N, C-alpha and C. Protein backbone atom coordinates (compact mmCIF):
# COMPACT_ATOMS: atom_id res chain seq x y z
N MET A 1 -1.44 140.06 13.75
CA MET A 1 -0.90 140.88 14.79
C MET A 1 -1.73 142.11 15.09
N TYR A 2 -2.06 142.40 16.33
CA TYR A 2 -2.91 143.55 16.62
C TYR A 2 -2.48 144.20 17.88
N TRP A 3 -2.60 145.53 17.90
CA TRP A 3 -2.33 146.30 19.17
C TRP A 3 -3.14 147.60 19.05
N LYS A 4 -3.35 148.17 20.17
CA LYS A 4 -4.05 149.51 20.33
C LYS A 4 -3.14 150.44 21.12
N ASP A 5 -2.95 151.66 20.66
CA ASP A 5 -2.06 152.52 21.35
C ASP A 5 -2.37 154.00 20.96
N GLU A 6 -1.83 154.92 21.67
CA GLU A 6 -1.88 156.37 21.32
C GLU A 6 -0.64 156.88 20.74
N GLY A 7 -0.64 157.86 19.96
CA GLY A 7 0.57 158.43 19.33
C GLY A 7 0.33 159.70 18.67
N TYR A 8 1.50 160.32 18.23
CA TYR A 8 1.43 161.62 17.54
C TYR A 8 1.84 161.39 16.02
N LEU A 9 1.20 162.09 15.23
CA LEU A 9 1.42 161.91 13.83
C LEU A 9 2.73 162.67 13.36
N LEU A 10 3.66 161.90 12.79
CA LEU A 10 4.89 162.56 12.33
C LEU A 10 4.89 162.86 10.89
N SER A 11 4.20 162.09 10.04
CA SER A 11 4.24 162.37 8.57
C SER A 11 3.03 161.64 7.97
N LYS A 12 2.70 162.09 6.87
CA LYS A 12 1.63 161.41 5.93
C LYS A 12 1.99 161.62 4.56
N ASN A 13 1.69 160.64 3.67
CA ASN A 13 1.90 160.56 2.37
C ASN A 13 0.76 159.90 1.57
N ASN A 14 0.38 160.25 0.41
CA ASN A 14 -0.67 159.63 -0.33
C ASN A 14 -0.17 158.23 -0.73
N PHE A 15 -1.10 157.28 -0.64
CA PHE A 15 -0.76 155.86 -1.00
C PHE A 15 -1.49 155.41 -2.32
N ASP A 16 -2.75 155.74 -2.28
CA ASP A 16 -3.50 155.57 -3.54
C ASP A 16 -4.62 156.68 -3.58
N GLU A 17 -5.61 156.41 -4.35
CA GLU A 17 -6.60 157.50 -4.53
C GLU A 17 -7.32 157.96 -3.21
N ASN A 18 -7.52 156.93 -2.41
CA ASN A 18 -8.15 157.23 -1.08
C ASN A 18 -7.43 156.99 0.16
N SER A 19 -6.29 156.37 0.08
CA SER A 19 -5.57 155.90 1.32
C SER A 19 -4.25 156.74 1.48
N ILE A 20 -3.70 156.75 2.65
CA ILE A 20 -2.40 157.35 2.93
C ILE A 20 -1.55 156.47 3.80
N ILE A 21 -0.30 156.80 3.69
CA ILE A 21 0.72 156.06 4.64
C ILE A 21 1.09 157.11 5.66
N ILE A 22 1.06 156.69 6.96
CA ILE A 22 1.37 157.59 7.95
C ILE A 22 2.55 157.01 8.83
N GLU A 23 3.33 157.92 9.38
CA GLU A 23 4.26 157.51 10.36
C GLU A 23 3.84 158.15 11.74
N THR A 24 3.84 157.30 12.81
CA THR A 24 3.42 157.85 14.05
C THR A 24 4.51 157.50 15.08
N PHE A 25 4.52 158.24 16.19
CA PHE A 25 5.34 158.04 17.36
C PHE A 25 4.43 157.64 18.44
N THR A 26 4.45 156.39 18.81
CA THR A 26 3.47 155.83 19.86
C THR A 26 4.05 155.73 21.18
N ASN A 27 3.21 155.66 22.18
CA ASN A 27 3.59 155.53 23.59
C ASN A 27 4.21 154.22 23.92
N ASP A 28 3.64 153.16 23.45
CA ASP A 28 4.08 151.86 23.94
C ASP A 28 4.72 150.98 22.82
N HIS A 29 4.87 151.54 21.63
CA HIS A 29 5.41 150.73 20.43
C HIS A 29 6.40 151.53 19.69
N GLY A 30 6.70 152.81 20.03
CA GLY A 30 7.68 153.47 19.30
C GLY A 30 7.24 154.06 17.93
N LYS A 31 8.07 154.23 17.07
CA LYS A 31 7.66 154.78 15.75
C LYS A 31 7.26 153.70 14.88
N TYR A 32 6.09 153.94 14.26
CA TYR A 32 5.41 152.87 13.42
C TYR A 32 4.89 153.50 12.19
N THR A 33 4.99 152.76 11.05
CA THR A 33 4.45 153.23 9.84
C THR A 33 3.28 152.26 9.35
N GLY A 34 2.27 152.83 8.82
CA GLY A 34 1.23 151.97 8.33
C GLY A 34 0.26 152.72 7.36
N ILE A 35 -0.71 151.90 6.78
CA ILE A 35 -1.58 152.46 5.75
C ILE A 35 -2.96 152.69 6.43
N VAL A 36 -3.53 153.88 6.08
CA VAL A 36 -4.92 154.22 6.57
C VAL A 36 -5.82 154.31 5.34
N TYR A 37 -6.67 153.27 5.25
CA TYR A 37 -7.63 153.21 4.22
C TYR A 37 -8.66 154.38 4.40
N GLY A 38 -8.86 155.13 3.36
CA GLY A 38 -9.84 156.21 3.33
C GLY A 38 -9.25 157.49 4.05
N GLY A 39 -7.98 157.48 4.33
CA GLY A 39 -7.32 158.59 5.03
C GLY A 39 -7.31 159.89 4.27
N SER A 40 -7.48 159.85 2.98
CA SER A 40 -7.47 161.12 2.19
C SER A 40 -8.92 161.54 1.94
N SER A 41 -9.95 160.89 2.46
CA SER A 41 -11.26 161.38 2.27
C SER A 41 -11.62 162.64 2.97
N ARG A 42 -12.62 163.29 2.58
CA ARG A 42 -12.91 164.58 3.21
C ARG A 42 -13.26 164.40 4.69
N LYS A 43 -13.84 163.34 5.04
CA LYS A 43 -14.28 163.05 6.40
C LYS A 43 -13.14 162.91 7.30
N GLN A 44 -11.96 162.27 6.79
CA GLN A 44 -10.90 161.82 7.64
C GLN A 44 -9.61 162.70 7.60
N LYS A 45 -9.43 163.33 6.42
CA LYS A 45 -8.13 163.94 6.22
C LYS A 45 -7.91 165.11 7.18
N LYS A 46 -8.92 165.77 7.76
CA LYS A 46 -8.68 166.88 8.71
C LYS A 46 -8.06 166.34 9.92
N ASN A 47 -8.21 165.04 10.26
CA ASN A 47 -7.57 164.46 11.47
C ASN A 47 -6.10 164.30 11.31
N PHE A 48 -5.62 164.33 10.07
CA PHE A 48 -4.25 163.88 9.90
C PHE A 48 -3.31 165.13 9.67
N GLN A 49 -3.36 166.03 10.53
CA GLN A 49 -2.47 167.21 10.70
C GLN A 49 -1.23 166.79 11.49
N ILE A 50 -0.08 167.11 10.89
CA ILE A 50 1.14 166.71 11.64
C ILE A 50 1.14 167.23 13.01
N GLY A 51 1.49 166.31 14.02
CA GLY A 51 1.50 166.69 15.46
C GLY A 51 0.21 166.31 16.17
N ASN A 52 -0.79 166.02 15.51
CA ASN A 52 -2.12 165.66 16.12
C ASN A 52 -1.95 164.40 16.89
N LYS A 53 -2.62 164.20 18.01
CA LYS A 53 -2.55 163.01 18.83
C LYS A 53 -3.77 162.14 18.41
N ILE A 54 -3.44 160.84 18.12
CA ILE A 54 -4.49 160.01 17.56
C ILE A 54 -4.49 158.67 18.29
N LEU A 55 -5.69 157.98 18.36
CA LEU A 55 -5.73 156.63 18.80
C LEU A 55 -5.57 155.73 17.65
N LEU A 56 -4.76 154.74 17.80
CA LEU A 56 -4.31 153.87 16.71
C LEU A 56 -4.70 152.38 16.95
N ASN A 57 -5.30 151.79 16.05
CA ASN A 57 -5.59 150.37 16.08
C ASN A 57 -4.75 149.76 14.90
N TRP A 58 -3.80 148.92 15.26
CA TRP A 58 -2.93 148.39 14.30
C TRP A 58 -3.25 146.89 13.90
N ASN A 59 -3.29 146.51 12.64
CA ASN A 59 -3.51 145.18 12.20
C ASN A 59 -2.45 144.86 11.16
N SER A 60 -1.85 143.65 11.27
CA SER A 60 -0.84 143.16 10.28
C SER A 60 -0.79 141.74 10.31
N LYS A 61 -0.48 141.06 9.15
CA LYS A 61 -0.39 139.68 9.03
C LYS A 61 0.83 139.19 9.54
N GLY A 62 1.83 140.01 9.85
CA GLY A 62 3.12 139.57 10.36
C GLY A 62 3.87 140.66 10.93
N GLU A 63 4.77 140.33 11.93
CA GLU A 63 5.41 141.33 12.66
C GLU A 63 6.24 142.29 11.85
N ASN A 64 6.82 141.66 10.80
CA ASN A 64 7.68 142.53 9.90
C ASN A 64 7.10 142.98 8.69
N LYS A 65 5.80 142.91 8.57
CA LYS A 65 5.06 143.27 7.36
C LYS A 65 4.36 144.71 7.65
N ILE A 66 4.17 145.39 6.55
CA ILE A 66 3.43 146.70 6.72
C ILE A 66 2.08 146.42 7.07
N GLY A 67 1.48 147.17 7.98
CA GLY A 67 0.16 146.90 8.50
C GLY A 67 -0.78 147.99 8.17
N TYR A 68 -1.92 147.96 8.85
CA TYR A 68 -2.97 148.98 8.58
C TYR A 68 -3.43 149.56 9.88
N PHE A 69 -3.68 150.86 9.77
CA PHE A 69 -4.29 151.55 10.97
C PHE A 69 -5.75 151.95 10.76
N SER A 70 -6.46 151.77 11.86
CA SER A 70 -7.75 152.47 12.00
C SER A 70 -7.57 153.49 13.07
N THR A 71 -7.98 154.68 12.95
CA THR A 71 -7.62 155.77 13.82
C THR A 71 -8.89 156.51 14.30
N GLU A 72 -8.61 157.21 15.44
CA GLU A 72 -9.53 158.24 15.91
C GLU A 72 -8.75 159.35 16.49
N LEU A 73 -9.28 160.59 16.28
CA LEU A 73 -8.57 161.78 16.74
C LEU A 73 -8.74 161.91 18.31
N ILE A 74 -7.66 162.02 19.04
CA ILE A 74 -7.71 162.27 20.46
C ILE A 74 -7.58 163.76 20.77
N LYS A 75 -6.71 164.38 20.07
CA LYS A 75 -6.52 165.78 20.40
C LYS A 75 -5.88 166.58 19.22
N PRO A 76 -6.58 167.52 18.69
CA PRO A 76 -5.87 168.29 17.63
C PRO A 76 -4.84 169.20 18.19
N ILE A 77 -3.59 169.09 17.67
CA ILE A 77 -2.49 169.95 18.16
C ILE A 77 -2.24 171.06 17.11
N SER A 78 -1.94 170.67 15.94
CA SER A 78 -1.63 171.70 14.94
C SER A 78 -2.66 172.80 14.66
N PRO A 79 -3.95 172.42 14.62
CA PRO A 79 -4.99 173.46 14.34
C PRO A 79 -5.07 174.58 15.42
N LEU A 80 -4.62 174.19 16.61
CA LEU A 80 -4.71 175.17 17.69
C LEU A 80 -3.72 176.30 17.53
N PHE A 81 -2.71 176.15 16.64
CA PHE A 81 -1.65 177.07 16.49
C PHE A 81 -1.50 177.60 14.99
N PHE A 82 -2.54 177.41 14.26
CA PHE A 82 -2.47 177.86 12.85
C PHE A 82 -2.30 179.37 12.85
N HIS A 83 -2.63 180.06 13.86
CA HIS A 83 -2.46 181.53 13.89
C HIS A 83 -1.07 181.99 14.10
N SER A 84 -0.16 181.02 14.47
CA SER A 84 1.17 181.37 14.77
C SER A 84 2.14 180.58 13.81
N LYS A 85 2.83 181.25 12.93
CA LYS A 85 3.69 180.57 12.06
C LYS A 85 4.91 179.91 12.71
N GLU A 86 5.33 180.55 13.81
CA GLU A 86 6.50 180.06 14.57
C GLU A 86 6.15 178.79 15.35
N LYS A 87 5.01 178.79 15.98
CA LYS A 87 4.57 177.53 16.65
C LYS A 87 4.22 176.45 15.72
N SER A 88 3.51 176.75 14.69
CA SER A 88 3.14 175.76 13.60
C SER A 88 4.42 175.07 13.09
N ILE A 89 5.47 175.86 12.78
CA ILE A 89 6.64 175.27 12.16
C ILE A 89 7.44 174.49 13.16
N SER A 90 7.31 174.94 14.50
CA SER A 90 8.04 174.17 15.51
C SER A 90 7.43 172.77 15.68
N ILE A 91 6.10 172.67 15.54
CA ILE A 91 5.48 171.31 15.49
C ILE A 91 5.97 170.45 14.40
N LEU A 92 6.03 171.07 13.19
CA LEU A 92 6.64 170.37 12.04
C LEU A 92 8.11 169.95 12.22
N ALA A 93 8.85 170.94 12.84
CA ALA A 93 10.26 170.70 13.07
C ALA A 93 10.51 169.50 14.04
N ALA A 94 9.78 169.52 15.16
CA ALA A 94 9.95 168.42 16.13
C ALA A 94 9.54 167.16 15.47
N SER A 95 8.40 167.13 14.78
CA SER A 95 8.01 165.82 14.19
C SER A 95 8.97 165.33 13.12
N SER A 96 9.45 166.21 12.34
CA SER A 96 10.51 165.85 11.31
C SER A 96 11.77 165.30 11.89
N ILE A 97 12.25 165.98 12.92
CA ILE A 97 13.44 165.48 13.61
C ILE A 97 13.24 164.06 14.12
N LEU A 98 12.01 163.85 14.82
CA LEU A 98 11.73 162.54 15.28
C LEU A 98 11.65 161.48 14.21
N ARG A 99 10.99 161.81 13.14
CA ARG A 99 10.82 160.96 11.99
C ARG A 99 12.21 160.58 11.41
N LEU A 100 13.08 161.49 11.46
CA LEU A 100 14.42 161.27 10.83
C LEU A 100 15.33 160.37 11.78
N LEU A 101 15.34 160.63 13.03
CA LEU A 101 16.27 160.06 13.98
C LEU A 101 15.85 158.87 14.76
N LEU A 102 14.55 158.74 14.96
CA LEU A 102 14.03 157.66 15.76
C LEU A 102 14.17 156.36 15.02
N PRO A 103 14.65 155.25 15.56
CA PRO A 103 14.65 153.98 14.95
C PRO A 103 13.20 153.40 14.98
N GLU A 104 12.94 152.53 13.88
CA GLU A 104 11.55 152.00 13.74
C GLU A 104 11.28 150.99 14.84
N ARG A 105 10.11 151.13 15.40
CA ARG A 105 9.61 150.23 16.37
C ARG A 105 10.39 150.01 17.60
N GLN A 106 11.07 151.05 18.06
CA GLN A 106 11.84 151.03 19.39
C GLN A 106 11.19 151.94 20.34
N ILE A 107 10.71 151.39 21.42
CA ILE A 107 10.11 152.16 22.48
C ILE A 107 10.94 153.10 23.13
N ASN A 108 10.57 154.37 23.29
CA ASN A 108 11.35 155.31 24.18
C ASN A 108 10.31 156.30 24.88
N LYS A 109 9.93 155.86 26.00
CA LYS A 109 8.87 156.52 26.76
C LYS A 109 9.31 158.02 27.17
N LYS A 110 10.68 158.15 27.47
CA LYS A 110 11.21 159.47 27.89
C LYS A 110 11.09 160.47 26.72
N ILE A 111 11.38 160.00 25.54
CA ILE A 111 11.26 160.97 24.43
C ILE A 111 9.71 161.25 24.13
N TYR A 112 8.94 160.24 24.25
CA TYR A 112 7.47 160.42 24.01
C TYR A 112 6.87 161.39 25.06
N ASP A 113 7.27 161.19 26.27
CA ASP A 113 6.79 162.12 27.37
C ASP A 113 7.30 163.51 27.18
N SER A 114 8.52 163.66 26.68
CA SER A 114 9.09 164.98 26.57
C SER A 114 8.39 165.66 25.38
N LEU A 115 8.10 164.93 24.29
CA LEU A 115 7.33 165.51 23.20
C LEU A 115 5.99 165.97 23.67
N GLU A 116 5.20 165.16 24.36
CA GLU A 116 3.96 165.47 24.88
C GLU A 116 3.99 166.69 25.83
N GLU A 117 4.99 166.78 26.64
CA GLU A 117 5.03 167.93 27.52
C GLU A 117 5.31 169.19 26.71
N PHE A 118 6.14 169.21 25.73
CA PHE A 118 6.41 170.36 24.87
C PHE A 118 5.10 170.81 24.17
N PHE A 119 4.35 169.85 23.58
CA PHE A 119 3.13 170.24 22.87
C PHE A 119 2.14 170.80 23.90
N ASN A 120 2.09 170.28 25.11
CA ASN A 120 1.20 170.82 26.06
C ASN A 120 1.55 172.25 26.55
N LYS A 121 2.83 172.61 26.37
CA LYS A 121 3.27 173.88 26.85
C LYS A 121 3.48 174.91 25.77
N LEU A 122 2.91 174.62 24.61
CA LEU A 122 3.10 175.55 23.46
C LEU A 122 2.33 176.86 23.70
N THR A 123 1.45 176.90 24.64
CA THR A 123 0.74 178.17 25.00
C THR A 123 1.48 178.97 25.94
N TYR A 124 2.60 178.49 26.46
CA TYR A 124 3.39 179.24 27.43
C TYR A 124 4.13 180.40 26.73
N LYS A 125 4.40 181.44 27.56
CA LYS A 125 5.16 182.58 26.94
C LYS A 125 6.51 182.31 26.55
N ASN A 126 7.13 181.39 27.22
CA ASN A 126 8.58 180.94 26.97
C ASN A 126 8.62 179.62 26.09
N TRP A 127 7.69 179.52 25.26
CA TRP A 127 7.56 178.19 24.57
C TRP A 127 8.83 177.90 23.64
N ILE A 128 9.43 178.99 23.13
CA ILE A 128 10.54 178.70 22.21
C ILE A 128 11.76 178.12 22.97
N LYS A 129 12.01 178.68 24.17
CA LYS A 129 13.03 178.20 25.07
C LYS A 129 12.73 176.68 25.37
N LEU A 130 11.45 176.38 25.67
CA LEU A 130 11.07 175.05 25.88
C LEU A 130 11.35 174.11 24.69
N TYR A 131 11.18 174.63 23.52
CA TYR A 131 11.56 173.88 22.33
C TYR A 131 13.01 173.54 22.23
N ILE A 132 13.75 174.66 22.57
CA ILE A 132 15.28 174.50 22.47
C ILE A 132 15.69 173.43 23.60
N LEU A 133 15.16 173.47 24.67
CA LEU A 133 15.43 172.44 25.79
C LEU A 133 14.95 171.06 25.41
N TRP A 134 13.76 171.05 24.68
CA TRP A 134 13.30 169.78 24.23
C TRP A 134 14.34 169.10 23.23
N GLU A 135 14.91 169.96 22.36
CA GLU A 135 15.87 169.33 21.38
C GLU A 135 17.07 168.81 22.17
N LEU A 136 17.55 169.50 23.19
CA LEU A 136 18.67 169.02 23.89
C LEU A 136 18.39 167.74 24.71
N SER A 137 17.10 167.66 25.22
CA SER A 137 16.79 166.42 25.94
C SER A 137 16.72 165.23 24.92
N LEU A 138 16.25 165.53 23.70
CA LEU A 138 16.23 164.56 22.65
C LEU A 138 17.63 164.08 22.30
N ILE A 139 18.60 165.02 22.11
CA ILE A 139 19.90 164.70 21.81
C ILE A 139 20.55 163.88 22.93
N LYS A 140 20.23 164.06 24.18
CA LYS A 140 20.72 163.31 25.36
C LYS A 140 20.19 161.87 25.27
N GLU A 141 18.83 161.81 25.00
CA GLU A 141 18.16 160.40 24.97
C GLU A 141 18.72 159.57 23.78
N LEU A 142 19.24 160.25 22.78
CA LEU A 142 19.72 159.49 21.54
C LEU A 142 21.23 159.16 21.78
N GLY A 143 21.78 159.61 22.89
CA GLY A 143 23.13 159.12 23.17
C GLY A 143 24.25 160.15 23.25
N PHE A 144 23.88 161.43 23.10
CA PHE A 144 24.90 162.44 23.21
C PHE A 144 24.56 163.41 24.29
N GLU A 145 25.27 163.45 25.33
CA GLU A 145 24.94 164.33 26.54
C GLU A 145 26.16 165.23 26.83
N ILE A 146 25.80 166.48 26.98
CA ILE A 146 26.80 167.46 27.47
C ILE A 146 26.22 168.21 28.62
N ASP A 147 27.04 168.43 29.62
CA ASP A 147 26.58 169.22 30.74
C ASP A 147 27.14 170.67 30.52
N ILE A 148 26.32 171.46 29.95
CA ILE A 148 26.69 172.82 29.63
C ILE A 148 27.17 173.70 30.86
N LEU A 149 26.46 173.43 31.97
CA LEU A 149 26.84 174.19 33.17
C LEU A 149 27.95 173.67 34.07
N ASN A 150 28.54 172.58 33.52
CA ASN A 150 29.63 171.92 34.26
C ASN A 150 30.92 172.58 33.87
N LYS A 151 31.53 173.45 34.72
CA LYS A 151 32.67 174.18 34.40
C LYS A 151 33.86 173.22 34.18
N LYS A 152 34.01 172.12 34.69
CA LYS A 152 35.10 171.20 34.43
C LYS A 152 35.15 170.80 32.95
N PHE A 153 33.80 170.58 32.46
CA PHE A 153 33.71 170.12 31.07
C PHE A 153 34.41 170.99 30.06
N ASN A 154 34.28 172.30 30.29
CA ASN A 154 34.75 173.23 29.32
C ASN A 154 35.90 174.25 29.84
N LYS A 155 36.53 173.74 30.89
CA LYS A 155 37.43 174.68 31.54
C LYS A 155 38.58 175.19 30.59
N SER A 156 38.91 174.40 29.52
CA SER A 156 39.95 174.85 28.65
C SER A 156 39.53 176.04 27.75
N LEU A 157 38.20 176.27 27.76
CA LEU A 157 37.64 177.26 26.88
C LEU A 157 36.83 178.24 27.68
N ASP A 158 37.08 178.35 28.97
CA ASP A 158 36.43 179.28 29.86
C ASP A 158 34.88 179.05 29.95
N ASN A 159 34.54 177.88 29.69
CA ASN A 159 33.06 177.55 29.80
C ASN A 159 32.16 178.30 28.83
N LYS A 160 32.75 178.77 27.61
CA LYS A 160 32.05 179.49 26.61
C LYS A 160 31.85 178.75 25.40
N SER A 161 32.62 177.64 25.16
CA SER A 161 32.55 176.81 24.03
C SER A 161 32.74 175.38 24.38
N ILE A 162 32.37 174.52 23.46
CA ILE A 162 32.70 173.05 23.52
C ILE A 162 33.22 172.62 22.23
N ILE A 163 33.86 171.54 22.33
CA ILE A 163 34.64 170.96 21.10
C ILE A 163 33.91 169.67 20.78
N ILE A 164 33.33 169.56 19.51
CA ILE A 164 32.68 168.32 19.02
C ILE A 164 33.43 168.00 17.70
N ASN A 165 33.86 166.80 17.66
CA ASN A 165 34.51 166.29 16.50
C ASN A 165 35.66 167.31 15.94
N GLY A 166 36.43 167.85 17.02
CA GLY A 166 37.57 168.75 16.60
C GLY A 166 37.04 170.12 16.33
N LYS A 167 35.78 170.42 16.42
CA LYS A 167 35.32 171.79 16.06
C LYS A 167 34.83 172.46 17.26
N SER A 168 35.05 173.76 17.41
CA SER A 168 34.62 174.50 18.62
C SER A 168 33.33 175.23 18.31
N PHE A 169 32.39 175.05 19.25
CA PHE A 169 31.07 175.66 19.17
C PHE A 169 30.72 176.60 20.36
N LYS A 170 30.32 177.72 20.05
CA LYS A 170 30.03 178.67 21.19
C LYS A 170 28.72 178.24 21.88
N ILE A 171 28.74 178.21 23.21
CA ILE A 171 27.56 177.93 23.94
C ILE A 171 26.69 179.18 24.09
N PRO A 172 25.51 179.11 23.65
CA PRO A 172 24.58 180.29 23.63
C PRO A 172 24.11 180.80 25.02
N LYS A 173 24.04 182.08 25.17
CA LYS A 173 23.74 182.71 26.46
C LYS A 173 22.42 182.16 27.05
N ILE A 174 21.40 181.83 26.23
CA ILE A 174 20.19 181.25 26.73
C ILE A 174 20.42 180.02 27.46
N LEU A 175 21.42 179.32 27.19
CA LEU A 175 21.67 177.95 27.79
C LEU A 175 22.80 178.07 28.92
N SER A 176 23.77 178.95 28.78
CA SER A 176 24.80 179.07 29.65
C SER A 176 24.51 179.95 30.92
N GLU A 177 23.59 180.88 30.75
CA GLU A 177 23.20 181.79 31.85
C GLU A 177 21.84 181.42 32.40
N LYS A 178 21.76 180.86 33.62
CA LYS A 178 20.64 180.38 34.19
C LYS A 178 19.41 181.43 34.38
N ASN A 179 19.82 182.52 34.81
CA ASN A 179 18.82 183.51 35.17
C ASN A 179 18.70 184.67 34.11
N ILE A 180 18.84 184.37 32.93
CA ILE A 180 18.73 185.44 31.83
C ILE A 180 17.37 185.88 31.91
N VAL A 181 17.24 187.25 31.88
CA VAL A 181 15.81 187.84 32.07
C VAL A 181 15.32 188.26 30.67
N ASN A 182 15.89 189.06 29.88
CA ASN A 182 15.50 189.56 28.65
C ASN A 182 16.02 188.67 27.51
N VAL A 183 15.20 187.75 27.00
CA VAL A 183 15.73 186.87 25.84
C VAL A 183 15.49 187.58 24.64
N LYS A 184 16.56 187.80 23.92
CA LYS A 184 16.49 188.51 22.60
C LYS A 184 16.35 187.48 21.50
N LYS A 185 15.95 188.03 20.31
CA LYS A 185 15.78 187.28 19.11
C LYS A 185 17.06 186.56 18.74
N SER A 186 18.17 187.31 18.94
CA SER A 186 19.52 186.77 18.65
C SER A 186 19.94 185.71 19.53
N ASP A 187 19.42 185.76 20.80
CA ASP A 187 19.75 184.63 21.80
C ASP A 187 19.09 183.36 21.39
N ILE A 188 17.82 183.45 20.97
CA ILE A 188 17.05 182.25 20.46
C ILE A 188 17.79 181.76 19.20
N ARG A 189 18.08 182.65 18.29
CA ARG A 189 18.80 182.19 17.08
C ARG A 189 20.06 181.40 17.40
N ASP A 190 20.88 181.98 18.24
CA ASP A 190 22.19 181.35 18.66
C ASP A 190 21.99 179.99 19.34
N ALA A 191 20.85 179.81 20.09
CA ALA A 191 20.61 178.52 20.65
C ALA A 191 20.14 177.52 19.69
N LEU A 192 19.35 177.92 18.67
CA LEU A 192 18.84 177.11 17.64
C LEU A 192 20.02 176.59 16.78
N ILE A 193 20.91 177.52 16.46
CA ILE A 193 22.14 177.16 15.73
C ILE A 193 23.01 176.24 16.47
N PHE A 194 23.12 176.45 17.73
CA PHE A 194 23.97 175.52 18.59
C PHE A 194 23.31 174.13 18.62
N ASN A 195 22.06 174.00 18.75
CA ASN A 195 21.41 172.71 18.66
C ASN A 195 21.57 172.08 17.28
N ARG A 196 21.46 172.89 16.23
CA ARG A 196 21.60 172.37 14.92
C ARG A 196 22.98 171.72 14.67
N ASN A 197 23.99 172.47 15.20
CA ASN A 197 25.32 171.82 15.16
C ASN A 197 25.47 170.52 15.93
N LEU A 198 24.84 170.43 17.09
CA LEU A 198 24.89 169.18 17.76
C LEU A 198 24.19 168.07 17.02
N LEU A 199 23.06 168.37 16.36
CA LEU A 199 22.36 167.36 15.63
C LEU A 199 23.15 166.97 14.44
N ASN A 200 23.64 167.93 13.70
CA ASN A 200 24.45 167.73 12.55
C ASN A 200 25.71 166.87 12.83
N GLU A 201 26.41 167.31 13.84
CA GLU A 201 27.78 166.65 14.08
C GLU A 201 27.57 165.15 14.61
N ASN A 202 26.47 164.92 15.32
CA ASN A 202 26.34 163.64 16.02
C ASN A 202 25.38 162.64 15.30
N PHE A 203 24.50 163.12 14.43
CA PHE A 203 23.50 162.32 13.91
C PHE A 203 23.35 162.51 12.44
N ILE A 204 23.16 163.75 12.00
CA ILE A 204 22.76 164.01 10.57
C ILE A 204 23.94 163.64 9.63
N ILE A 205 25.10 164.27 9.78
CA ILE A 205 26.25 164.14 8.95
C ILE A 205 26.71 162.72 8.99
N PRO A 206 26.95 162.15 10.15
CA PRO A 206 27.53 160.65 10.16
C PRO A 206 26.67 159.71 9.55
N ASN A 207 25.35 159.91 9.44
CA ASN A 207 24.40 158.91 8.77
C ASN A 207 23.92 159.35 7.40
N ASN A 208 24.57 160.39 6.89
CA ASN A 208 24.26 160.95 5.52
C ASN A 208 22.72 161.29 5.41
N LEU A 209 22.27 161.97 6.39
CA LEU A 209 20.83 162.35 6.41
C LEU A 209 20.71 163.81 5.96
N ARG A 210 19.54 164.23 5.73
CA ARG A 210 19.29 165.64 5.26
C ARG A 210 18.57 166.34 6.42
N PHE A 211 19.15 167.50 6.87
CA PHE A 211 18.49 168.26 7.94
C PHE A 211 17.09 168.74 7.54
N PRO A 212 16.13 168.56 8.44
CA PRO A 212 14.74 168.94 8.06
C PRO A 212 14.56 170.38 7.72
N MET A 213 13.89 170.61 6.57
CA MET A 213 13.62 171.90 6.04
C MET A 213 12.76 172.75 7.07
N SER A 214 11.77 172.08 7.66
CA SER A 214 10.96 172.83 8.61
C SER A 214 11.82 173.42 9.73
N ARG A 215 12.82 172.63 10.12
CA ARG A 215 13.76 173.15 11.29
C ARG A 215 14.63 174.37 10.76
N ASN A 216 15.02 174.35 9.60
CA ASN A 216 15.79 175.52 8.92
C ASN A 216 14.92 176.71 9.01
N ILE A 217 13.50 176.49 8.59
CA ILE A 217 12.63 177.60 8.51
C ILE A 217 12.35 178.18 9.91
N LEU A 218 12.32 177.36 10.95
CA LEU A 218 12.06 177.88 12.30
C LEU A 218 13.24 178.79 12.69
N GLU A 219 14.47 178.35 12.34
CA GLU A 219 15.59 179.13 12.64
C GLU A 219 15.63 180.57 11.88
N LYS A 220 15.10 180.58 10.70
CA LYS A 220 15.02 181.79 9.91
C LYS A 220 14.08 182.81 10.51
N TYR A 221 13.08 182.32 11.28
CA TYR A 221 12.16 183.21 11.89
C TYR A 221 12.84 184.08 12.88
N TYR A 222 14.03 183.69 13.43
CA TYR A 222 14.66 184.44 14.45
C TYR A 222 16.00 185.09 13.96
N THR A 223 16.08 185.31 12.64
CA THR A 223 17.29 186.01 12.10
C THR A 223 16.98 187.49 12.02
């Protein structure tokens, strides 16, 4: 079995002395795991920074067997933001969430395109709000959608909170107020906490998963 595709690196782990196992999120094949021979060599390892966009050539003896990647770097993402701890950790957070929640080998072009769009806009001034909106779009694509600005949805709570699994959660100002001008650190923190609650209540807790450490660190930068 062979295919060629592009994708983003979600994780890497040592396999043996010279090889690594990587998880990637690809455009046409979804999340895929495979071995890269020589991936830990001095020549190759610089290409395997989490979030980097890579060209993938996949080979396997069978559809359900672990395969092998040969790779080329298309675009370095992480190294461009090593100067910013917040942006660097947001790349790790997004990659960790996808690694945790995406089903293996299931194509989702909307999620792929939204991740690519977020990475391309990391240079924008309002990048953290874009990250928050990216999480909400991911939650929607995974099957849980809320219309925060729909007054009918939250009329019993004056459009300031929603109830999930019998629990009330306050809707953050950054999401409920369309034309907010001065976004404070506390506004960002509230939105990140709100998204964390959505992720926990709908995906993490029901499936006995562990919330990504990198995402917790991102939140701490805004306390």
